[in-house]
């Protein structure tokens, strides 16, 4: 399938697809006319990338998930490298929550002081 069809099937822009290709997450064969040609497996790869990006993962975070799918696993998250990325991301989110709670407590204390 050509890039436009892959974009339609996945909801990704053609620009995003070129970006994913530039970063080695997907790859296209080139037809004699220079057009990119993708196969059905790329639909799953792009969908996985988009799902991860939507919940705050980086493009580099997505790499182990893509590699896992390419290795034939049914889920991008079923490989140990992907599980490590999940764990790291949860730790990052926990730290962000801790910082936000501390900031909230400070703002609440400032508000209490302002009302007295």
Protein backbone atom coordinates (compact mmCIF):
# COMPACT_ATOMS: atom_id res chain seq x y z
CA UNK A 1 0.00 0.00 0.00
CA UNK A 2 1.14 3.54 -0.59
CA UNK A 3 1.76 6.12 2.11
CA UNK A 4 -1.66 7.75 1.69
CA UNK A 5 -3.45 4.48 2.24
CA UNK A 6 -1.34 3.70 5.32
CA UNK A 7 -2.14 7.18 6.62
CA UNK A 8 -5.86 6.60 6.08
CA UNK A 9 -5.81 3.18 7.75
CA UNK A 10 -3.90 4.39 10.82
CA UNK A 11 -5.05 7.98 11.21
CA UNK A 12 -1.44 9.16 10.98
CA UNK A 13 -0.41 11.98 8.69
CA UNK A 14 1.89 11.21 5.80
CA UNK A 15 4.37 13.57 7.43
CA UNK A 16 4.30 11.48 10.61
CA UNK A 17 4.82 8.31 8.62
CA UNK A 18 7.87 9.79 6.92
CA UNK A 19 9.14 10.84 10.35
CA UNK A 20 8.68 7.32 11.74
CA UNK A 21 10.52 5.97 8.72
CA UNK A 22 13.32 8.51 9.17
CA UNK A 23 13.76 7.24 12.73
CA UNK A 24 13.80 3.60 11.63
CA UNK A 25 10.52 2.57 13.24
CA UNK A 26 8.88 1.62 9.97
CA UNK A 27 10.40 0.98 6.58
CA UNK A 28 9.07 1.17 3.07
CA UNK A 29 10.15 -0.43 -0.11
CA UNK A 30 10.56 1.95 -3.01
CA UNK A 31 8.77 1.30 -6.26
CA UNK A 32 10.52 2.07 -9.54
CA UNK A 33 8.74 5.43 -9.62
CA UNK A 34 10.09 6.28 -6.15
CA UNK A 35 6.79 5.85 -4.31
CA UNK A 36 6.92 4.30 -0.85
CA UNK A 37 5.26 0.92 -0.58
CA UNK A 38 4.21 -0.48 2.80
CA UNK A 39 2.70 -3.81 3.79
CA UNK A 40 -0.12 -4.73 6.15
CA UNK A 41 2.28 -5.30 9.05
CA UNK A 42 3.09 -1.62 9.02
CA UNK A 43 -0.51 -0.82 9.95
CA UNK A 44 -0.01 -2.57 13.30
CA UNK A 45 3.38 -0.92 13.84
CA UNK A 46 2.04 2.57 13.18
CA UNK A 47 -1.02 1.92 15.34
CA UNK A 48 1.24 0.83 18.21
CA UNK A 49 3.44 3.91 17.80
CA UNK A 50 0.43 6.23 17.77
CA UNK A 51 -1.12 4.59 20.84
CA UNK A 52 2.12 4.98 22.78
CA UNK A 53 2.63 8.58 21.70
CA UNK A 54 -0.96 9.39 22.71
CA UNK A 55 -0.29 8.33 26.32
CA UNK A 56 2.96 10.22 26.66
CA UNK A 57 5.66 7.90 25.41
CA UNK A 58 8.40 9.27 23.18
CA UNK A 59 9.25 7.98 19.75
CA UNK A 60 12.36 6.36 21.20
CA UNK A 61 10.24 4.72 23.92
CA UNK A 62 8.19 3.12 21.14
CA UNK A 63 11.19 1.35 19.59
CA UNK A 64 11.16 -1.77 21.83
CA UNK A 65 7.42 -2.18 21.23
CA UNK A 66 7.91 -2.00 17.46
CA UNK A 67 10.83 -4.44 17.66
CA UNK A 68 8.67 -6.78 19.74
CA UNK A 69 5.90 -6.76 17.13
CA UNK A 70 8.45 -7.28 14.34
CA UNK A 71 9.75 -10.36 16.17
CA UNK A 72 6.31 -11.93 15.79
CA UNK A 73 4.89 -11.29 19.23
CA UNK A 74 1.13 -10.68 19.37
CA UNK A 75 1.58 -7.53 21.46
CA UNK A 76 4.25 -4.87 21.45
CA UNK A 77 4.27 -4.93 25.23
CA UNK A 78 4.98 -8.63 25.62
CA UNK A 79 8.80 -8.43 25.39
CA UNK A 80 11.06 -7.76 28.35
CA UNK A 81 12.46 -4.59 26.79
CA UNK A 82 8.95 -3.19 26.45
CA UNK A 83 8.11 -4.11 30.04
CA UNK A 84 11.17 -2.14 31.16
CA UNK A 85 9.94 0.90 29.24
CA UNK A 86 6.54 0.54 30.93
CA UNK A 87 8.22 0.39 34.34
CA UNK A 88 10.39 3.41 33.62
CA UNK A 89 7.41 5.39 32.37
CA UNK A 90 5.38 4.55 35.48
CA UNK A 91 8.29 5.73 37.66
CA UNK A 92 8.43 8.99 35.67
CA UNK A 93 4.69 9.51 36.06
CA UNK A 94 4.89 8.77 39.80
CA UNK A 95 7.62 11.42 40.12
CA UNK A 96 5.52 13.93 38.17
CA UNK A 97 2.59 13.23 40.49
CA UNK A 98 4.82 13.72 43.54
CA UNK A 99 6.02 17.07 42.21
CA UNK A 100 2.48 18.18 41.38
CA UNK A 101 1.18 17.21 44.82
CA UNK A 102 3.98 19.16 46.49
CA UNK A 103 3.24 22.16 44.27
CA UNK A 104 -0.47 21.88 45.06
CA UNK A 105 0.24 21.79 48.78
CA UNK A 106 2.37 24.94 48.46
CA UNK A 107 -0.35 26.77 46.52
CA UNK A 108 -2.96 25.67 49.06
CA UNK A 109 -0.74 26.96 51.88
CA UNK A 110 -0.34 30.28 50.06
CA UNK A 111 -4.12 30.50 49.62
CA UNK A 112 -4.72 29.75 53.30
CA UNK A 113 -2.24 32.49 54.24
CA UNK A 114 -3.93 34.94 51.89
CA UNK A 115 -7.35 34.28 53.44
CA UNK A 116 -6.21 34.91 57.01
